Protein backbone atom coordinates (compact mmCIF):
# COMPACT_ATOMS: atom_id res chain seq x y z
CA MET A 1 -30.49 121.31 2.52
CA GLN A 2 -29.68 124.50 0.69
CA LEU A 3 -31.63 127.75 0.58
CA GLY A 4 -32.19 128.95 -2.97
CA GLY A 5 -31.35 132.60 -2.33
CA LEU A 6 -33.40 135.65 -1.42
CA HIS A 7 -37.20 135.26 -1.59
CA HIS A 8 -38.55 138.68 -0.63
CA LEU A 9 -37.97 141.60 1.69
CA THR A 10 -40.75 143.35 3.61
CA ALA A 11 -40.52 146.98 4.66
CA VAL A 12 -42.81 149.62 6.19
CA THR A 13 -44.54 152.57 4.53
CA THR A 14 -47.01 155.12 5.88
CA GLU A 15 -48.02 156.37 2.42
CA ALA A 16 -49.44 153.58 0.27
CA SER A 17 -50.28 155.79 -2.73
CA GLU A 18 -46.86 157.43 -2.78
CA ASN A 19 -45.25 154.02 -2.31
CA VAL A 20 -47.07 152.56 -5.31
CA GLY A 21 -46.10 155.56 -7.40
CA PHE A 22 -42.40 155.28 -6.58
CA TYR A 23 -41.97 151.53 -6.97
CA THR A 24 -44.05 151.21 -10.15
CA ARG A 25 -43.56 154.51 -11.97
CA VAL A 26 -40.01 155.40 -10.85
CA LEU A 27 -38.40 151.96 -10.37
CA GLY A 28 -40.63 150.32 -12.97
CA LEU A 29 -41.53 147.28 -10.88
CA ARG A 30 -44.84 145.50 -11.29
CA LEU A 31 -47.42 145.59 -8.50
CA VAL A 32 -48.11 141.84 -8.48
CA LYS A 33 -50.29 141.55 -5.39
CA LYS A 34 -52.47 144.05 -3.55
CA THR A 35 -53.61 142.29 -0.39
CA VAL A 36 -53.64 142.85 3.37
CA ASN A 37 -51.37 141.97 6.24
CA GLN A 38 -52.84 138.63 7.30
CA ASP A 39 -52.11 139.37 10.96
CA ASP A 40 -53.44 142.97 10.79
CA VAL A 41 -56.10 143.29 8.10
CA SER A 42 -56.36 147.06 8.62
CA ALA A 43 -53.08 147.38 6.71
CA TYR A 44 -52.29 146.80 3.05
CA HIS A 45 -49.58 144.35 2.06
CA LEU A 46 -48.20 145.43 -1.30
CA PHE A 47 -45.90 143.21 -3.37
CA TYR A 48 -43.71 144.53 -6.22
CA ALA A 49 -41.77 142.15 -8.46
CA ASP A 50 -40.71 141.38 -12.03
CA GLY A 51 -43.04 140.68 -14.95
CA LEU A 52 -43.80 137.11 -13.82
CA ALA A 53 -43.87 137.68 -10.04
CA THR A 54 -40.82 135.41 -9.72
CA PRO A 55 -39.67 134.43 -6.19
CA GLY A 56 -36.55 136.41 -5.38
CA THR A 57 -37.69 139.57 -7.18
CA ASP A 58 -40.20 141.09 -4.78
CA ILE A 59 -39.98 143.87 -2.27
CA THR A 60 -43.14 144.17 -0.18
CA PHE A 61 -44.60 146.78 2.14
CA PHE A 62 -46.89 146.89 5.14
CA ASP A 63 -48.90 150.12 5.16
CA TRP A 64 -48.73 151.02 8.85
CA PRO A 65 -49.01 154.33 10.73
CA ALA A 66 -45.52 154.71 12.17
CA SER A 67 -42.88 157.27 13.03
CA PRO A 68 -39.71 157.27 10.90
CA GLU A 69 -37.17 154.54 11.52
CA ARG A 70 -34.25 155.38 13.82
CA ARG A 71 -31.18 154.04 12.09
CA GLY A 72 -28.69 151.87 13.91
CA THR A 73 -27.52 148.32 14.29
CA HIS A 74 -29.54 145.14 15.05
CA GLY A 75 -31.42 145.64 11.80
CA ILE A 76 -31.69 145.30 8.04
CA VAL A 77 -30.00 148.39 6.65
CA ARG A 78 -29.96 148.20 2.85
CA THR A 79 -31.88 146.46 0.09
CA GLY A 80 -30.14 145.72 -3.19
CA PHE A 81 -31.74 145.39 -6.62
CA ARG A 82 -29.95 143.69 -9.50
CA VAL A 83 -29.71 145.54 -12.82
CA PRO A 84 -27.76 144.85 -16.04
CA PRO A 85 -24.11 145.97 -15.73
CA ASP A 86 -24.45 148.48 -18.57
CA SER A 87 -27.56 150.19 -17.12
CA PHE A 88 -26.01 152.46 -14.51
CA GLY A 89 -25.83 155.47 -16.82
CA TYR A 90 -29.53 155.08 -17.57
CA TRP A 91 -30.46 154.88 -13.90
CA ARG A 92 -28.18 157.75 -12.86
CA ASP A 93 -29.85 159.99 -15.44
CA ARG A 94 -33.35 158.74 -14.57
CA PHE A 95 -32.88 159.44 -10.87
CA LYS A 96 -31.55 162.93 -11.61
CA GLU A 97 -34.48 163.70 -13.92
CA LEU A 98 -37.06 162.45 -11.40
CA GLY A 99 -35.45 164.04 -8.33
CA VAL A 100 -34.57 160.79 -6.56
CA SER A 101 -32.06 161.10 -3.74
CA ALA A 102 -29.05 159.16 -5.08
CA LYS A 103 -25.27 159.03 -4.74
CA ASP A 104 -22.62 158.58 -7.43
CA VAL A 105 -21.99 155.19 -8.98
CA ILE A 106 -19.14 153.49 -7.13
CA GLU A 107 -17.53 150.06 -7.05
CA ARG A 108 -18.32 148.12 -3.89
CA ASP A 109 -17.47 144.48 -3.28
CA GLY A 110 -16.16 144.36 -6.84
CA ARG A 111 -19.47 145.45 -8.41
CA PRO A 112 -20.81 148.77 -9.73
CA THR A 113 -23.28 150.08 -7.15
CA LEU A 114 -25.66 153.06 -7.06
CA GLU A 115 -27.14 153.87 -3.65
CA PHE A 116 -30.41 155.80 -3.40
CA GLU A 117 -33.47 156.29 -1.19
CA ASP A 118 -37.21 156.22 -1.68
CA PRO A 119 -39.35 159.19 -0.50
CA GLU A 120 -39.52 157.82 3.07
CA GLY A 121 -35.78 157.21 3.35
CA GLN A 122 -35.79 153.49 2.58
CA ARG A 123 -32.13 152.65 1.86
CA LEU A 124 -31.80 150.97 -1.51
CA SER A 125 -29.10 150.27 -4.06
CA LEU A 126 -28.71 149.09 -7.63
CA VAL A 127 -26.05 146.39 -8.00
CA ALA A 128 -24.64 144.90 -11.20
CA ASP A 129 -26.22 141.53 -11.94
CA ASP A 130 -24.09 138.59 -13.08
CA GLY A 131 -26.70 136.95 -15.28
CA ARG A 132 -27.02 133.71 -13.29
CA VAL A 133 -30.78 134.18 -12.84
CA ALA A 134 -33.14 134.60 -15.79
CA ALA A 135 -34.71 138.04 -16.23
CA HIS A 136 -38.45 138.48 -16.79
CA PRO A 137 -39.18 142.09 -17.85
CA TRP A 138 -42.61 143.65 -17.37
CA GLU A 139 -43.96 144.81 -20.70
CA LYS A 140 -45.95 147.71 -19.17
CA SER A 141 -43.01 149.11 -17.16
CA PRO A 142 -41.99 152.72 -17.83
CA VAL A 143 -38.39 151.46 -17.76
CA PRO A 144 -37.12 149.90 -21.02
CA ALA A 145 -36.78 146.12 -20.81
CA GLN A 146 -32.99 146.21 -21.25
CA HIS A 147 -32.61 148.39 -18.12
CA GLN A 148 -35.27 146.95 -15.82
CA ILE A 149 -34.59 145.72 -12.30
CA ARG A 150 -34.08 141.95 -12.44
CA GLY A 151 -34.69 141.12 -8.79
CA LEU A 152 -33.41 141.39 -5.24
CA GLY A 153 -29.88 141.16 -4.02
CA PRO A 154 -27.79 141.52 -2.00
CA ILE A 155 -29.45 142.40 1.34
CA THR A 156 -27.33 143.97 4.09
CA ILE A 157 -27.94 143.57 7.82
CA SER A 158 -26.05 145.29 10.65
CA VAL A 159 -24.91 143.59 13.86
CA PRO A 160 -22.58 144.82 16.61
CA GLU A 161 -20.69 141.51 16.86
CA LEU A 162 -20.39 138.71 14.29
CA LYS A 163 -19.82 135.46 16.19
CA LEU A 164 -23.37 134.32 17.01
CA THR A 165 -24.81 135.53 13.71
CA ASP A 166 -22.06 133.68 11.84
CA GLU A 167 -22.87 130.47 13.72
CA LEU A 168 -26.55 130.72 12.81
CA LEU A 169 -25.90 131.51 9.15
CA THR A 170 -23.29 128.80 8.61
CA TYR A 171 -24.18 126.00 11.04
CA VAL A 172 -27.98 126.30 11.04
CA MET A 173 -28.84 127.88 7.66
CA ASN A 174 -26.01 126.24 5.68
CA MET A 175 -24.73 129.48 4.16
CA LYS A 176 -21.08 129.87 3.18
CA HIS A 177 -18.87 132.74 4.33
CA VAL A 178 -17.14 133.62 1.06
CA ARG A 179 -15.38 136.98 1.54
CA GLU A 180 -15.40 140.35 3.26
CA TYR A 181 -14.92 143.98 2.29
CA THR A 182 -15.10 147.40 3.96
CA ALA A 183 -17.88 149.96 3.60
CA PRO A 184 -18.95 153.19 5.35
CA VAL A 185 -21.05 152.88 8.48
CA SER A 186 -24.63 152.12 7.47
CA THR A 187 -26.23 155.03 9.34
CA GLY A 188 -24.36 157.52 7.17
CA THR A 189 -23.42 159.55 10.27
CA GLY A 190 -19.66 159.37 9.90
CA SER A 191 -16.72 158.50 7.67
CA ASP A 192 -15.60 155.37 9.52
CA ALA A 193 -15.65 152.12 7.58
CA HIS A 194 -16.49 148.71 9.00
CA ALA A 195 -16.09 145.17 7.79
CA VAL A 196 -18.91 143.60 5.80
CA HIS A 197 -19.01 139.80 5.61
CA VAL A 198 -20.60 138.10 2.61
CA TYR A 199 -22.60 134.89 3.04
CA GLU A 200 -23.72 132.88 0.04
CA MET A 201 -26.66 130.52 -0.52
CA GLY A 202 -27.19 127.89 -3.21
CA GLU A 203 -25.44 128.74 -6.46
CA GLY A 204 -24.34 132.12 -5.13
CA GLY A 205 -24.20 135.44 -6.92
CA PRO A 206 -25.92 138.70 -5.93
CA ALA A 207 -29.38 137.07 -5.94
CA ALA A 208 -28.24 134.69 -3.20
CA GLU A 209 -26.11 136.81 -0.87
CA LEU A 210 -26.62 138.18 2.62
CA HIS A 211 -24.11 140.87 3.62
CA VAL A 212 -23.45 141.32 7.33
CA ALA A 213 -21.99 144.69 8.39
CA VAL A 214 -20.27 144.55 11.77
CA GLU A 215 -20.91 147.93 13.39
CA PRO A 216 -20.23 148.12 17.13
CA GLY A 217 -21.08 151.27 19.01
CA LEU A 218 -24.25 152.21 17.13
CA PRO A 219 -27.64 152.59 18.83
CA ASN A 220 -30.20 149.88 18.23
CA THR A 221 -32.48 150.30 15.25
CA ARG A 222 -35.98 151.48 16.11
CA HIS A 223 -38.33 150.13 13.46
CA GLY A 224 -40.62 152.50 11.60
CA ALA A 225 -41.44 154.07 8.26
CA GLY A 226 -38.56 153.85 5.84
CA GLY A 227 -37.23 150.76 7.60
CA VAL A 228 -37.34 147.02 6.99
CA HIS A 229 -39.51 144.52 8.85
CA HIS A 230 -37.92 141.22 7.74
CA VAL A 231 -36.06 139.38 5.01
CA ALA A 232 -37.13 136.02 3.57
CA PHE A 233 -35.05 133.25 2.00
CA ARG A 234 -36.13 130.80 -0.69
CA VAL A 235 -37.13 127.22 0.08
CA PRO A 236 -37.75 125.45 -3.26
CA THR A 237 -40.20 122.73 -2.20
CA PHE A 238 -42.77 121.93 0.47
CA ASP A 239 -40.77 118.84 1.43
CA GLU A 240 -37.70 120.96 2.16
CA TYR A 241 -39.90 123.42 4.04
CA ASP A 242 -41.01 120.61 6.37
CA ARG A 243 -37.38 119.60 6.83
CA TRP A 244 -36.39 123.16 7.71
CA ASN A 245 -39.16 123.29 10.29
CA GLU A 246 -37.86 120.08 11.81
CA ARG A 247 -34.28 121.38 11.72
CA LEU A 248 -35.17 124.52 13.67
CA ARG A 249 -37.11 122.42 16.19
CA GLU A 250 -34.26 119.96 16.67
CA MET A 251 -31.78 122.80 17.19
CA ARG A 252 -34.16 124.40 19.71
CA ILE A 253 -34.40 127.63 17.78
CA PRO A 254 -37.68 129.36 18.64
CA SER A 255 -39.84 129.85 15.56
CA SER A 256 -43.38 130.56 14.47
CA GLY A 257 -43.84 127.00 13.33
CA PRO A 258 -45.50 126.42 9.95
CA VAL A 259 -47.56 129.37 8.67
CA ASP A 260 -49.59 129.06 5.47
CA ARG A 261 -49.73 132.45 3.71
CA PHE A 262 -51.65 130.90 0.79
CA TYR A 263 -49.25 132.38 -1.79
CA PHE A 264 -46.34 130.64 -0.02
CA ARG A 265 -45.63 128.87 3.25
CA SER A 266 -43.53 130.60 5.90
CA LEU A 267 -41.36 129.97 8.94
CA TYR A 268 -40.30 132.93 11.06
CA PHE A 269 -37.44 133.13 13.56
CA ARG A 270 -34.94 135.69 14.79
CA GLU A 271 -31.19 135.66 14.44
CA PRO A 272 -29.22 136.33 17.66
CA ASN A 273 -29.42 140.14 17.30
CA GLY A 274 -33.20 140.09 17.01
CA ILE A 275 -33.44 140.53 13.22
CA LEU A 276 -36.49 138.75 11.86
CA PHE A 277 -35.80 136.07 9.24
CA GLU A 278 -38.35 134.12 7.23
CA LEU A 279 -38.04 130.93 5.21
CA ALA A 280 -40.61 131.00 2.38
CA THR A 281 -41.52 128.47 -0.28
CA ASP A 282 -41.37 129.29 -3.98
CA GLY A 283 -44.96 128.17 -4.48
CA PRO A 284 -47.86 128.11 -4.92
CA GLY A 285 -47.26 131.69 -6.19
CA PHE A 286 -49.19 134.91 -6.72
CA HIS A 287 -51.16 133.56 -9.67
CA SER A 288 -52.98 131.15 -7.35
CA ASP A 289 -56.06 133.40 -7.12
CA GLU A 290 -55.89 135.72 -10.13
CA PRO A 291 -54.64 135.52 -13.72
CA MET A 292 -50.99 136.36 -14.37
CA GLU A 293 -52.13 139.03 -16.86
CA THR A 294 -54.03 141.04 -14.22
CA LEU A 295 -51.95 140.52 -11.09
CA GLY A 296 -52.27 143.34 -8.57
CA GLU A 297 -55.15 145.12 -10.25
CA SER A 298 -57.70 144.37 -7.52
CA LEU A 299 -57.67 143.52 -3.83
CA SER A 300 -56.80 139.84 -3.34
CA LEU A 301 -57.63 138.03 -0.13
CA PRO A 302 -56.61 134.50 0.85
CA PRO A 303 -59.57 132.11 1.17
CA PHE A 304 -59.70 132.29 4.97
CA LEU A 305 -60.26 136.07 4.80
CA GLU A 306 -62.65 136.15 1.84
CA SER A 307 -65.78 135.99 3.99
CA HIS A 308 -64.66 139.23 5.68
CA ARG A 309 -64.07 141.13 2.42
CA LYS A 310 -66.70 143.84 3.02
CA GLU A 311 -65.36 144.72 6.46
CA ILE A 312 -61.75 144.60 5.29
CA GLU A 313 -62.38 146.80 2.25
CA ALA A 314 -64.28 149.30 4.42
CA GLY A 315 -61.24 149.67 6.67
CA LEU A 316 -58.74 150.37 3.87
CA LYS A 317 -58.02 153.74 2.31
CA PRO A 318 -58.18 153.78 -1.50
CA ILE A 319 -54.79 153.84 -3.21
CA GLU A 320 -54.61 156.69 -5.70
CA GLY A 321 -53.72 155.81 -9.26
CA LEU A 322 -55.01 152.23 -9.04
CA LYS A 323 -58.26 150.67 -10.17
């Protein structure tokens, strides 16, 4: 069994309206699903992706009241977005014009990279795409099609020691350790550099890489606004999903067991440093309950929550700038 690459990444925001403004109007992503956290219906769950809501392109947010994240290890520390290799000049100028906190374009792990942050300090980067995965631009994006974000990748996690994480990634999740490089410490508090190990899924490339920074001596991450909740990996079919569930059970790895999120099926478990991983199916997809043409324009609820729509809507704050 092989994972297909990155599926989605879920982070935390305390400002839903500001979040929508940044990810749609600054980054040019499409809001493809406005729904609620199925385990806490008082919170929005917002999904941003490419023009066709393709698995592997979406960053999502829980809208929770929370203090800012305390940066450290035992956490997901940077989210990459793939862009065309010749688009870095465009994005550098766009960020400068719009006042986005960004660094200079550098080469990291052999690829042009532009690190930046959203208004809550979410650590993000643009990384040169290699063209292995088809691009699906959004025709209503404020970003020209030739410069639009193509999807996720790579994602970087931080651990204090590699051994147990390496065993899980390679022996359990069938990833391949393909190389390593050095990068500054992820908290940005010093000039020391640490090793970053690259693990590859499926056909590889930036859409299918998990980068593991080994950073001993840092405090533990305290989750909060501007931080990441979990990262999900692609499972192409329901049959493989069932086999992954059985694999985790046979290896005695504690997990959530099968969870049907309606838009996809999920399995949750933690790697040895406590970082939350999810295995998520490619289907059924976000067009299961609304037309592709109008994704994200109204509040969508999975069938098992639909009977509670009035109470749920009453508990949500309106998002400015949306219908």
